[in-house]
N, C-alpha and C. Protein backbone atom coordinates (compact mmCIF):
# COMPACT_ATOMS: atom_id res chain seq x y z
N UNK A 1 -96.91 95.17 -21.70
CA UNK A 1 -96.17 94.15 -22.38
C UNK A 1 -94.71 94.23 -22.05
N UNK A 2 -94.24 95.36 -21.73
CA UNK A 2 -92.84 95.50 -21.35
C UNK A 2 -92.56 94.68 -20.10
N UNK A 3 -93.57 94.58 -19.28
CA UNK A 3 -93.40 93.81 -18.06
C UNK A 3 -93.20 92.32 -18.37
N UNK A 4 -93.97 91.77 -19.32
CA UNK A 4 -93.84 90.36 -19.71
C UNK A 4 -92.47 90.10 -20.34
N UNK A 5 -92.02 91.00 -21.14
CA UNK A 5 -90.73 90.83 -21.78
C UNK A 5 -89.62 90.81 -20.75
N UNK A 6 -89.76 91.60 -19.69
CA UNK A 6 -88.74 91.65 -18.65
C UNK A 6 -88.68 90.36 -17.85
N UNK A 7 -89.80 89.69 -17.68
CA UNK A 7 -89.80 88.43 -16.92
C UNK A 7 -89.23 87.28 -17.75
N UNK A 8 -89.36 87.36 -19.08
CA UNK A 8 -88.82 86.30 -19.94
C UNK A 8 -87.29 86.35 -19.98
N UNK A 9 -86.70 87.45 -19.88
CA UNK A 9 -85.25 87.60 -20.01
C UNK A 9 -84.50 86.86 -18.90
N UNK A 10 -84.87 86.98 -17.64
CA UNK A 10 -84.12 86.26 -16.61
C UNK A 10 -84.21 84.73 -16.80
N UNK A 11 -85.29 84.21 -17.30
CA UNK A 11 -85.40 82.76 -17.51
C UNK A 11 -84.44 82.30 -18.60
N UNK A 12 -84.30 83.06 -19.65
CA UNK A 12 -83.38 82.69 -20.72
C UNK A 12 -81.94 82.72 -20.22
N UNK A 13 -81.60 83.68 -19.44
CA UNK A 13 -80.23 83.78 -18.92
C UNK A 13 -79.96 82.62 -17.97
N UNK A 14 -80.89 82.28 -17.12
CA UNK A 14 -80.71 81.17 -16.18
C UNK A 14 -80.57 79.85 -16.96
N UNK A 15 -81.37 79.69 -18.00
CA UNK A 15 -81.30 78.46 -18.82
C UNK A 15 -79.95 78.34 -19.51
N UNK A 16 -79.42 79.44 -20.03
CA UNK A 16 -78.10 79.42 -20.67
C UNK A 16 -77.01 79.11 -19.65
N UNK A 17 -77.13 79.61 -18.44
CA UNK A 17 -76.14 79.39 -17.39
C UNK A 17 -76.06 77.93 -16.98
N UNK A 18 -77.20 77.27 -16.91
CA UNK A 18 -77.22 75.86 -16.53
C UNK A 18 -76.51 75.03 -17.60
N UNK A 19 -76.77 75.34 -18.84
CA UNK A 19 -76.13 74.59 -19.92
C UNK A 19 -74.62 74.80 -19.91
N UNK A 20 -74.16 75.99 -19.63
CA UNK A 20 -72.73 76.26 -19.58
C UNK A 20 -72.09 75.49 -18.42
N UNK A 21 -72.75 75.48 -17.28
CA UNK A 21 -72.23 74.76 -16.11
C UNK A 21 -72.14 73.26 -16.40
N UNK A 22 -73.14 72.69 -17.03
CA UNK A 22 -73.12 71.27 -17.39
C UNK A 22 -71.94 70.98 -18.31
N UNK A 23 -71.74 71.83 -19.29
CA UNK A 23 -70.62 71.63 -20.22
C UNK A 23 -69.29 71.71 -19.49
N UNK A 24 -69.14 72.67 -18.61
CA UNK A 24 -67.89 72.82 -17.85
C UNK A 24 -67.66 71.62 -16.95
N UNK A 25 -68.70 71.12 -16.29
CA UNK A 25 -68.56 69.93 -15.43
C UNK A 25 -68.17 68.70 -16.24
N UNK A 26 -68.81 68.50 -17.38
CA UNK A 26 -68.49 67.35 -18.23
C UNK A 26 -67.05 67.46 -18.73
N UNK A 27 -66.65 68.64 -19.15
CA UNK A 27 -65.28 68.84 -19.64
C UNK A 27 -64.26 68.61 -18.52
N UNK A 28 -64.54 69.07 -17.32
CA UNK A 28 -63.62 68.90 -16.20
C UNK A 28 -63.49 67.43 -15.82
N UNK A 29 -64.60 66.72 -15.75
CA UNK A 29 -64.57 65.30 -15.40
C UNK A 29 -63.85 64.51 -16.50
N UNK A 30 -64.08 64.84 -17.75
CA UNK A 30 -63.40 64.16 -18.86
C UNK A 30 -61.90 64.41 -18.81
N UNK A 31 -61.51 65.63 -18.56
CA UNK A 31 -60.09 65.96 -18.47
C UNK A 31 -59.44 65.22 -17.30
N UNK A 32 -60.14 65.11 -16.19
CA UNK A 32 -59.60 64.39 -15.03
C UNK A 32 -59.48 62.90 -15.36
N UNK A 33 -60.45 62.34 -16.07
CA UNK A 33 -60.39 60.92 -16.46
C UNK A 33 -59.24 60.64 -17.39
N UNK A 34 -59.04 61.49 -18.38
CA UNK A 34 -57.93 61.32 -19.32
C UNK A 34 -56.60 61.47 -18.58
N UNK A 35 -56.51 62.45 -17.71
CA UNK A 35 -55.28 62.65 -16.92
C UNK A 35 -54.99 61.45 -16.03
N UNK A 36 -56.03 60.90 -15.41
CA UNK A 36 -55.86 59.71 -14.57
C UNK A 36 -55.38 58.51 -15.38
N UNK A 37 -55.97 58.32 -16.56
CA UNK A 37 -55.56 57.20 -17.42
C UNK A 37 -54.11 57.37 -17.86
N UNK A 38 -53.72 58.60 -18.23
CA UNK A 38 -52.34 58.84 -18.65
C UNK A 38 -51.36 58.64 -17.50
N UNK A 39 -51.80 58.88 -16.29
CA UNK A 39 -50.95 58.65 -15.13
C UNK A 39 -50.78 57.15 -14.86
N UNK A 40 -51.83 56.35 -15.09
CA UNK A 40 -51.78 54.92 -14.81
C UNK A 40 -50.99 54.13 -15.85
N UNK A 41 -50.91 54.60 -17.08
CA UNK A 41 -50.23 53.84 -18.14
C UNK A 41 -48.78 53.51 -17.76
N UNK A 42 -47.96 54.49 -17.33
CA UNK A 42 -46.58 54.12 -16.96
C UNK A 42 -46.52 53.20 -15.73
N UNK A 43 -47.46 53.38 -14.79
CA UNK A 43 -47.46 52.53 -13.61
C UNK A 43 -47.76 51.08 -13.97
N UNK A 44 -48.70 50.86 -14.86
CA UNK A 44 -49.07 49.51 -15.27
C UNK A 44 -47.98 48.91 -16.16
N UNK A 45 -47.44 49.69 -17.08
CA UNK A 45 -46.43 49.15 -17.99
C UNK A 45 -45.14 48.78 -17.27
N UNK A 46 -44.82 49.42 -16.17
CA UNK A 46 -43.61 49.07 -15.44
C UNK A 46 -43.74 47.72 -14.74
N UNK A 47 -44.96 47.19 -14.63
CA UNK A 47 -45.17 45.87 -14.02
C UNK A 47 -44.98 44.74 -15.03
N UNK A 48 -44.88 45.04 -16.29
CA UNK A 48 -44.69 44.02 -17.32
C UNK A 48 -43.30 43.41 -17.18
N UNK A 49 -43.15 42.12 -17.51
CA UNK A 49 -41.83 41.50 -17.38
C UNK A 49 -40.81 42.12 -18.33
N UNK A 50 -39.59 42.22 -17.86
CA UNK A 50 -38.52 42.80 -18.68
C UNK A 50 -38.08 41.80 -19.75
N UNK A 51 -37.29 42.24 -20.69
CA UNK A 51 -36.85 41.41 -21.81
C UNK A 51 -36.04 40.21 -21.33
N UNK A 52 -35.19 40.40 -20.29
CA UNK A 52 -34.40 39.26 -19.81
C UNK A 52 -35.27 38.20 -19.14
N UNK A 53 -36.34 38.62 -18.49
CA UNK A 53 -37.26 37.66 -17.88
C UNK A 53 -38.03 36.91 -18.96
N UNK A 54 -38.48 37.61 -19.97
CA UNK A 54 -39.19 36.95 -21.07
C UNK A 54 -38.29 35.95 -21.79
N UNK A 55 -37.02 36.27 -21.92
CA UNK A 55 -36.08 35.37 -22.59
C UNK A 55 -35.90 34.08 -21.80
N UNK A 56 -36.03 34.15 -20.48
CA UNK A 56 -35.87 32.98 -19.64
C UNK A 56 -37.18 32.25 -19.37
N UNK A 57 -38.26 32.66 -20.00
CA UNK A 57 -39.56 32.06 -19.70
C UNK A 57 -39.67 30.65 -20.23
N UNK A 58 -38.81 30.26 -21.14
CA UNK A 58 -38.77 28.86 -21.59
C UNK A 58 -37.34 28.54 -22.01
N UNK A 59 -37.02 27.26 -21.96
CA UNK A 59 -35.69 26.80 -22.33
C UNK A 59 -35.84 25.45 -23.03
N UNK A 60 -35.03 25.23 -24.07
CA UNK A 60 -35.03 23.95 -24.78
C UNK A 60 -33.76 23.19 -24.41
N UNK A 61 -33.93 21.88 -24.19
CA UNK A 61 -32.80 21.04 -23.81
C UNK A 61 -32.78 19.82 -24.73
N UNK A 62 -31.59 19.51 -25.24
CA UNK A 62 -31.39 18.31 -26.06
C UNK A 62 -31.09 17.15 -25.12
N UNK A 63 -31.94 16.14 -25.13
CA UNK A 63 -31.81 15.01 -24.22
C UNK A 63 -31.01 13.85 -24.81
N UNK A 64 -30.57 13.98 -26.04
CA UNK A 64 -29.94 12.85 -26.74
C UNK A 64 -28.66 12.35 -26.07
N UNK A 65 -27.97 13.16 -25.30
CA UNK A 65 -26.71 12.75 -24.68
C UNK A 65 -26.89 12.19 -23.27
N UNK A 66 -28.13 12.17 -22.75
CA UNK A 66 -28.37 11.67 -21.40
C UNK A 66 -28.65 10.17 -21.49
N UNK A 67 -27.75 9.37 -20.91
CA UNK A 67 -27.88 7.92 -20.96
C UNK A 67 -28.90 7.44 -19.92
N UNK A 68 -29.50 6.26 -20.12
CA UNK A 68 -30.40 5.71 -19.11
C UNK A 68 -29.71 5.61 -17.75
N UNK A 69 -30.40 6.06 -16.72
CA UNK A 69 -29.85 6.08 -15.37
C UNK A 69 -29.10 7.35 -15.04
N UNK A 70 -28.93 8.22 -16.01
CA UNK A 70 -28.18 9.47 -15.81
C UNK A 70 -29.14 10.64 -15.66
N UNK A 71 -28.70 11.64 -14.91
CA UNK A 71 -29.46 12.88 -14.75
C UNK A 71 -28.52 14.05 -14.99
N UNK A 72 -29.07 15.15 -15.46
CA UNK A 72 -28.28 16.38 -15.61
C UNK A 72 -29.02 17.52 -14.93
N UNK A 73 -28.26 18.56 -14.65
CA UNK A 73 -28.84 19.77 -14.07
C UNK A 73 -28.88 20.84 -15.15
N UNK A 74 -29.95 21.57 -15.19
CA UNK A 74 -30.08 22.71 -16.09
C UNK A 74 -30.57 23.91 -15.29
N UNK A 75 -30.80 24.99 -15.99
CA UNK A 75 -31.31 26.20 -15.34
C UNK A 75 -32.60 26.61 -16.06
N UNK A 76 -33.63 26.89 -15.28
CA UNK A 76 -34.91 27.36 -15.81
C UNK A 76 -35.42 28.44 -14.86
N UNK A 77 -35.61 29.64 -15.39
CA UNK A 77 -36.05 30.79 -14.59
C UNK A 77 -35.16 31.02 -13.38
N UNK A 78 -33.87 30.93 -13.61
CA UNK A 78 -32.84 31.16 -12.61
C UNK A 78 -32.87 30.16 -11.46
N UNK A 79 -33.49 29.00 -11.68
CA UNK A 79 -33.52 27.94 -10.69
C UNK A 79 -33.03 26.65 -11.33
N UNK A 80 -32.48 25.74 -10.51
CA UNK A 80 -32.02 24.48 -11.08
C UNK A 80 -33.20 23.60 -11.50
N UNK A 81 -32.98 22.85 -12.56
CA UNK A 81 -33.97 21.88 -13.03
C UNK A 81 -33.21 20.57 -13.27
N UNK A 82 -33.83 19.45 -12.87
CA UNK A 82 -33.22 18.14 -13.05
C UNK A 82 -33.91 17.42 -14.21
N UNK A 83 -33.12 16.86 -15.11
CA UNK A 83 -33.63 16.08 -16.23
C UNK A 83 -33.03 14.68 -16.09
N UNK A 84 -33.87 13.69 -15.89
CA UNK A 84 -33.40 12.34 -15.59
C UNK A 84 -33.97 11.34 -16.58
N UNK A 85 -33.09 10.48 -17.11
CA UNK A 85 -33.48 9.40 -18.00
C UNK A 85 -33.54 8.13 -17.15
N UNK A 86 -34.74 7.75 -16.75
CA UNK A 86 -34.91 6.60 -15.87
C UNK A 86 -34.68 5.29 -16.63
N UNK A 87 -34.04 4.35 -15.95
CA UNK A 87 -33.87 3.02 -16.53
C UNK A 87 -35.19 2.26 -16.41
N UNK A 88 -35.38 1.19 -17.19
CA UNK A 88 -36.59 0.38 -17.03
C UNK A 88 -36.75 -0.14 -15.59
N UNK A 89 -35.63 -0.46 -14.94
CA UNK A 89 -35.69 -0.92 -13.54
C UNK A 89 -36.21 0.20 -12.63
N UNK A 90 -35.71 1.43 -12.82
CA UNK A 90 -36.17 2.56 -12.00
C UNK A 90 -37.65 2.84 -12.22
N UNK A 91 -38.10 2.73 -13.46
CA UNK A 91 -39.53 2.92 -13.77
C UNK A 91 -40.35 1.86 -13.04
N UNK A 92 -39.90 0.61 -13.10
CA UNK A 92 -40.62 -0.49 -12.44
C UNK A 92 -40.65 -0.29 -10.92
N UNK A 93 -39.51 0.13 -10.34
CA UNK A 93 -39.45 0.38 -8.89
C UNK A 93 -40.41 1.51 -8.50
N UNK A 94 -40.46 2.56 -9.28
CA UNK A 94 -41.36 3.68 -8.98
C UNK A 94 -42.82 3.25 -9.11
N UNK A 95 -43.12 2.40 -10.09
CA UNK A 95 -44.50 1.94 -10.28
C UNK A 95 -44.94 0.97 -9.19
N UNK A 96 -43.98 0.28 -8.53
CA UNK A 96 -44.32 -0.67 -7.46
C UNK A 96 -44.79 0.02 -6.19
N UNK A 97 -44.41 1.27 -5.99
CA UNK A 97 -44.74 1.99 -4.76
C UNK A 97 -46.24 2.28 -4.72
N UNK A 98 -46.86 1.95 -3.59
CA UNK A 98 -48.29 2.24 -3.41
C UNK A 98 -48.46 3.76 -3.27
N UNK A 99 -49.20 4.34 -4.18
CA UNK A 99 -49.38 5.80 -4.18
C UNK A 99 -50.03 6.27 -2.89
N UNK A 100 -50.93 5.46 -2.32
CA UNK A 100 -51.61 5.86 -1.08
C UNK A 100 -50.65 5.93 0.11
N UNK A 101 -49.49 5.30 0.02
CA UNK A 101 -48.53 5.34 1.12
C UNK A 101 -47.65 6.60 1.08
N UNK A 102 -47.77 7.40 0.04
CA UNK A 102 -46.91 8.57 -0.13
C UNK A 102 -47.50 9.80 0.56
N UNK A 103 -46.62 10.65 1.06
CA UNK A 103 -47.03 11.90 1.71
C UNK A 103 -47.73 12.83 0.70
N UNK A 104 -47.18 12.90 -0.50
CA UNK A 104 -47.76 13.70 -1.59
C UNK A 104 -48.05 12.70 -2.71
N UNK A 105 -49.25 12.07 -2.68
CA UNK A 105 -49.54 10.94 -3.57
C UNK A 105 -49.59 11.31 -5.06
N UNK A 106 -48.61 10.81 -5.81
CA UNK A 106 -48.56 10.94 -7.26
C UNK A 106 -47.87 9.72 -7.83
N UNK A 107 -48.44 9.20 -8.91
CA UNK A 107 -47.78 8.09 -9.59
C UNK A 107 -46.73 8.65 -10.54
N UNK A 108 -45.84 7.78 -11.01
CA UNK A 108 -44.84 8.20 -11.98
C UNK A 108 -45.52 8.68 -13.26
N UNK A 109 -46.61 8.02 -13.65
CA UNK A 109 -47.34 8.41 -14.86
C UNK A 109 -47.89 9.83 -14.76
N UNK A 110 -48.25 10.26 -13.55
CA UNK A 110 -48.75 11.63 -13.36
C UNK A 110 -47.63 12.66 -13.45
N UNK A 111 -46.40 12.22 -13.26
CA UNK A 111 -45.26 13.13 -13.23
C UNK A 111 -44.47 13.15 -14.53
N UNK A 112 -44.88 12.32 -15.50
CA UNK A 112 -44.19 12.24 -16.79
C UNK A 112 -45.21 12.34 -17.91
N UNK A 113 -44.74 12.39 -19.14
CA UNK A 113 -45.62 12.46 -20.31
C UNK A 113 -45.89 11.05 -20.85
N UNK A 114 -47.10 10.80 -21.36
CA UNK A 114 -47.41 9.49 -21.93
C UNK A 114 -46.44 9.14 -23.06
N UNK A 115 -45.94 7.89 -23.01
CA UNK A 115 -44.98 7.44 -24.02
C UNK A 115 -43.55 7.87 -23.73
N UNK A 116 -43.36 8.72 -22.73
CA UNK A 116 -42.03 9.22 -22.36
C UNK A 116 -41.83 9.06 -20.85
N UNK A 117 -42.34 7.95 -20.30
CA UNK A 117 -42.29 7.73 -18.85
C UNK A 117 -40.87 7.66 -18.30
N UNK A 118 -39.89 7.41 -19.18
CA UNK A 118 -38.50 7.35 -18.71
C UNK A 118 -37.90 8.74 -18.49
N UNK A 119 -38.54 9.80 -18.99
CA UNK A 119 -38.00 11.15 -18.83
C UNK A 119 -38.71 11.86 -17.68
N UNK A 120 -37.98 12.07 -16.60
CA UNK A 120 -38.51 12.78 -15.44
C UNK A 120 -37.86 14.15 -15.38
N UNK A 121 -38.67 15.18 -15.44
CA UNK A 121 -38.17 16.56 -15.43
C UNK A 121 -38.79 17.26 -14.22
N UNK A 122 -37.94 17.70 -13.30
CA UNK A 122 -38.42 18.36 -12.08
C UNK A 122 -37.56 19.58 -11.78
N UNK A 123 -38.12 20.46 -10.99
CA UNK A 123 -37.35 21.58 -10.47
C UNK A 123 -36.38 21.02 -9.44
N UNK A 124 -35.18 21.54 -9.38
CA UNK A 124 -34.16 21.07 -8.45
C UNK A 124 -34.15 21.88 -7.17
N UNK A 125 -35.33 22.06 -6.59
CA UNK A 125 -35.46 22.87 -5.38
C UNK A 125 -36.26 22.06 -4.36
N UNK A 126 -35.67 21.78 -3.21
CA UNK A 126 -36.35 21.02 -2.16
C UNK A 126 -37.58 21.80 -1.71
N UNK A 127 -38.67 21.08 -1.51
CA UNK A 127 -39.93 21.74 -1.13
C UNK A 127 -40.00 22.06 0.35
N UNK A 128 -38.93 21.77 1.09
CA UNK A 128 -38.92 22.13 2.51
C UNK A 128 -38.52 23.59 2.69
N UNK A 129 -37.27 23.91 2.39
CA UNK A 129 -36.81 25.30 2.55
C UNK A 129 -36.03 25.81 1.34
N UNK A 130 -36.12 25.11 0.21
CA UNK A 130 -35.54 25.63 -1.02
C UNK A 130 -34.09 25.31 -1.29
N UNK A 131 -33.51 24.35 -0.59
CA UNK A 131 -32.14 23.94 -0.89
C UNK A 131 -32.13 23.15 -2.19
N UNK A 132 -30.93 22.93 -2.74
CA UNK A 132 -30.80 22.13 -3.97
C UNK A 132 -30.40 20.71 -3.58
N UNK A 133 -31.28 19.75 -3.84
CA UNK A 133 -30.95 18.36 -3.49
C UNK A 133 -29.80 17.81 -4.33
N UNK A 134 -29.14 16.80 -3.79
CA UNK A 134 -28.09 16.07 -4.50
C UNK A 134 -28.71 14.88 -5.21
N UNK A 135 -28.00 14.35 -6.19
CA UNK A 135 -28.47 13.15 -6.87
C UNK A 135 -28.50 13.28 -8.37
N UNK A 136 -28.43 14.50 -8.88
CA UNK A 136 -28.46 14.69 -10.33
C UNK A 136 -27.05 14.63 -10.92
N UNK A 137 -26.05 14.96 -10.14
CA UNK A 137 -24.68 14.94 -10.62
C UNK A 137 -24.04 13.58 -10.40
N UNK A 138 -23.05 13.26 -11.21
CA UNK A 138 -22.38 11.97 -11.09
C UNK A 138 -21.64 11.88 -9.76
N UNK A 139 -21.85 10.78 -9.04
CA UNK A 139 -21.19 10.55 -7.77
C UNK A 139 -21.87 11.21 -6.59
N UNK A 140 -22.96 11.94 -6.80
CA UNK A 140 -23.65 12.59 -5.68
C UNK A 140 -24.51 11.58 -4.92
N UNK A 141 -24.72 11.85 -3.64
CA UNK A 141 -25.56 11.01 -2.79
C UNK A 141 -27.00 11.09 -3.30
N UNK A 142 -27.63 9.91 -3.47
CA UNK A 142 -28.99 9.88 -4.00
C UNK A 142 -30.03 9.58 -2.94
N UNK A 143 -29.62 9.39 -1.70
CA UNK A 143 -30.56 9.12 -0.62
C UNK A 143 -30.97 7.66 -0.54
N UNK A 144 -31.79 7.35 0.43
CA UNK A 144 -32.20 5.97 0.70
C UNK A 144 -33.05 5.36 -0.41
N UNK A 145 -33.66 6.17 -1.24
CA UNK A 145 -34.59 5.65 -2.23
C UNK A 145 -34.09 5.81 -3.67
N UNK A 146 -32.80 6.14 -3.82
CA UNK A 146 -32.16 6.17 -5.12
C UNK A 146 -32.50 7.35 -6.01
N UNK A 147 -33.13 8.36 -5.45
CA UNK A 147 -33.51 9.53 -6.26
C UNK A 147 -32.66 10.74 -5.95
N UNK A 148 -33.12 11.53 -4.98
CA UNK A 148 -32.43 12.75 -4.61
C UNK A 148 -32.36 12.84 -3.09
N UNK A 149 -31.35 13.54 -2.58
CA UNK A 149 -31.16 13.73 -1.15
C UNK A 149 -30.87 15.20 -0.89
N UNK A 150 -31.64 15.81 -0.02
CA UNK A 150 -31.40 17.21 0.33
C UNK A 150 -30.49 17.26 1.55
N UNK A 151 -29.27 17.78 1.39
CA UNK A 151 -28.30 17.78 2.49
C UNK A 151 -28.63 18.79 3.60
N UNK A 152 -29.50 19.73 3.33
CA UNK A 152 -29.79 20.77 4.33
C UNK A 152 -30.53 20.21 5.54
N UNK A 153 -31.59 19.44 5.30
CA UNK A 153 -32.40 18.94 6.41
C UNK A 153 -32.75 17.46 6.28
N UNK A 154 -32.16 16.76 5.31
CA UNK A 154 -32.29 15.31 5.24
C UNK A 154 -33.51 14.76 4.55
N UNK A 155 -34.09 15.47 3.60
CA UNK A 155 -35.23 14.92 2.85
C UNK A 155 -34.72 13.94 1.80
N UNK A 156 -35.42 12.82 1.68
CA UNK A 156 -35.06 11.77 0.71
C UNK A 156 -36.19 11.66 -0.30
N UNK A 157 -35.83 11.68 -1.58
CA UNK A 157 -36.79 11.54 -2.68
C UNK A 157 -36.47 10.25 -3.43
N UNK A 158 -37.51 9.61 -3.99
CA UNK A 158 -37.26 8.39 -4.77
C UNK A 158 -36.93 8.74 -6.21
N UNK A 159 -36.81 7.72 -7.07
CA UNK A 159 -36.41 7.95 -8.46
C UNK A 159 -37.45 8.74 -9.24
N UNK A 160 -38.68 8.82 -8.74
CA UNK A 160 -39.72 9.63 -9.37
C UNK A 160 -39.78 11.03 -8.74
N UNK A 161 -38.78 11.36 -7.92
CA UNK A 161 -38.66 12.66 -7.23
C UNK A 161 -39.84 12.92 -6.29
N UNK A 162 -40.34 11.82 -5.70
CA UNK A 162 -41.43 11.93 -4.72
C UNK A 162 -40.82 11.89 -3.32
N UNK A 163 -41.33 12.71 -2.42
CA UNK A 163 -40.81 12.75 -1.06
C UNK A 163 -41.14 11.43 -0.35
N UNK A 164 -40.12 10.83 0.27
CA UNK A 164 -40.32 9.56 0.95
C UNK A 164 -39.94 9.63 2.42
N UNK A 165 -39.01 10.54 2.77
CA UNK A 165 -38.55 10.63 4.15
C UNK A 165 -37.98 12.03 4.36
N UNK A 166 -38.19 12.56 5.56
CA UNK A 166 -37.64 13.87 5.89
C UNK A 166 -38.72 14.93 5.97
N UNK A 167 -38.32 16.18 6.19
CA UNK A 167 -39.29 17.25 6.46
C UNK A 167 -39.99 17.85 5.24
N UNK A 168 -39.54 17.56 4.05
CA UNK A 168 -40.17 18.18 2.86
C UNK A 168 -41.64 17.77 2.77
N UNK A 169 -42.53 18.73 2.56
CA UNK A 169 -43.96 18.41 2.53
C UNK A 169 -44.46 17.87 1.20
N UNK A 170 -43.78 18.19 0.11
CA UNK A 170 -44.28 17.83 -1.23
C UNK A 170 -43.17 17.24 -2.08
N UNK A 171 -43.59 16.61 -3.17
CA UNK A 171 -42.65 16.09 -4.16
C UNK A 171 -41.93 17.25 -4.85
N UNK A 172 -40.80 16.96 -5.50
CA UNK A 172 -40.15 17.99 -6.30
C UNK A 172 -41.13 18.40 -7.39
N UNK A 173 -41.23 19.69 -7.64
CA UNK A 173 -42.20 20.22 -8.59
C UNK A 173 -41.84 19.84 -10.03
N UNK A 174 -42.87 19.46 -10.78
CA UNK A 174 -42.71 19.17 -12.20
C UNK A 174 -43.16 20.43 -12.96
N UNK A 175 -42.24 21.11 -13.66
CA UNK A 175 -42.63 22.31 -14.41
C UNK A 175 -43.41 21.94 -15.67
N UNK A 176 -44.06 22.91 -16.26
CA UNK A 176 -44.74 22.68 -17.54
C UNK A 176 -43.68 22.43 -18.60
N UNK A 177 -43.86 21.37 -19.37
CA UNK A 177 -42.90 21.07 -20.44
C UNK A 177 -43.58 20.27 -21.52
N UNK A 178 -42.94 20.27 -22.70
CA UNK A 178 -43.44 19.47 -23.82
C UNK A 178 -42.27 19.05 -24.68
N UNK A 179 -42.43 17.90 -25.32
CA UNK A 179 -41.40 17.41 -26.24
C UNK A 179 -41.64 18.03 -27.60
N UNK A 180 -40.64 18.72 -28.13
CA UNK A 180 -40.75 19.31 -29.47
C UNK A 180 -40.25 18.33 -30.53
N UNK A 181 -39.49 17.33 -30.10
CA UNK A 181 -39.07 16.22 -30.97
C UNK A 181 -38.77 15.04 -30.05
N UNK A 182 -38.28 13.95 -30.60
CA UNK A 182 -37.96 12.78 -29.76
C UNK A 182 -36.85 13.06 -28.76
N UNK A 183 -35.98 14.00 -29.07
CA UNK A 183 -34.82 14.24 -28.21
C UNK A 183 -34.74 15.66 -27.65
N UNK A 184 -35.70 16.52 -27.97
CA UNK A 184 -35.66 17.91 -27.47
C UNK A 184 -36.91 18.19 -26.65
N UNK A 185 -36.70 18.74 -25.47
CA UNK A 185 -37.80 19.11 -24.59
C UNK A 185 -37.78 20.62 -24.38
N UNK A 186 -38.96 21.23 -24.39
CA UNK A 186 -39.09 22.67 -24.12
C UNK A 186 -39.75 22.81 -22.75
N UNK A 187 -39.02 23.43 -21.82
CA UNK A 187 -39.53 23.64 -20.47
C UNK A 187 -40.06 25.07 -20.39
N UNK A 188 -41.26 25.20 -19.89
CA UNK A 188 -41.88 26.52 -19.75
C UNK A 188 -42.86 26.85 -20.82
C-alpha cells in the first residue's frame, strides 16, 4: 500500500502546479491589459478638442442691422463667413438661373432655410485654392454675376454664392446654421 500512496502524491503536486500556473498567467494577462488601458487613456484624451476650439464651435450673429442687398463678414472656426441679406430682385435673379446649367447644381432654396430665402450664409473661402473672395464688404468687386469675386484666380460667384465662371470647382460652402429668433442666427 505504500507503493500506491507514493504514486498518488506526484499527481496531486502536478495538479496543484497547473492551477498555480493558470492563476499566474491570468494575473499577468490582466495586469498587462490594465497597464495597456492606462497607457491609452492619456493618448486618447489628448486628441479631444481644447477649450478654445470648443468655444469656437458655434457663433451667434445678430442680423437685424444688415440691410437688404448688404453683406457682412464674420468669423467661424477661424475662417471668414459671409452673411448676406438678399433683395427680392437678387432672389428672383438667382431663381431664374437654370440649375442644370451650373457646374455645382444647387438652387437658392437648397442653400437657404425655408421662409428665410433672403438670408444667404456661406463660408468666405474660395473652393479653388482657399482665397477669400471679394463682394461682402462695401465697395468690393462682386464679379460678373453680382455675388462674389475671387481675386486670386478669377472665380466669379452669383448672388446665391454659386460658381459661375473661373477655376473654382464648387459653390461657396454653406455651413450648418439655424435661426434662434427672427434676427439671430447660430452658425455651427
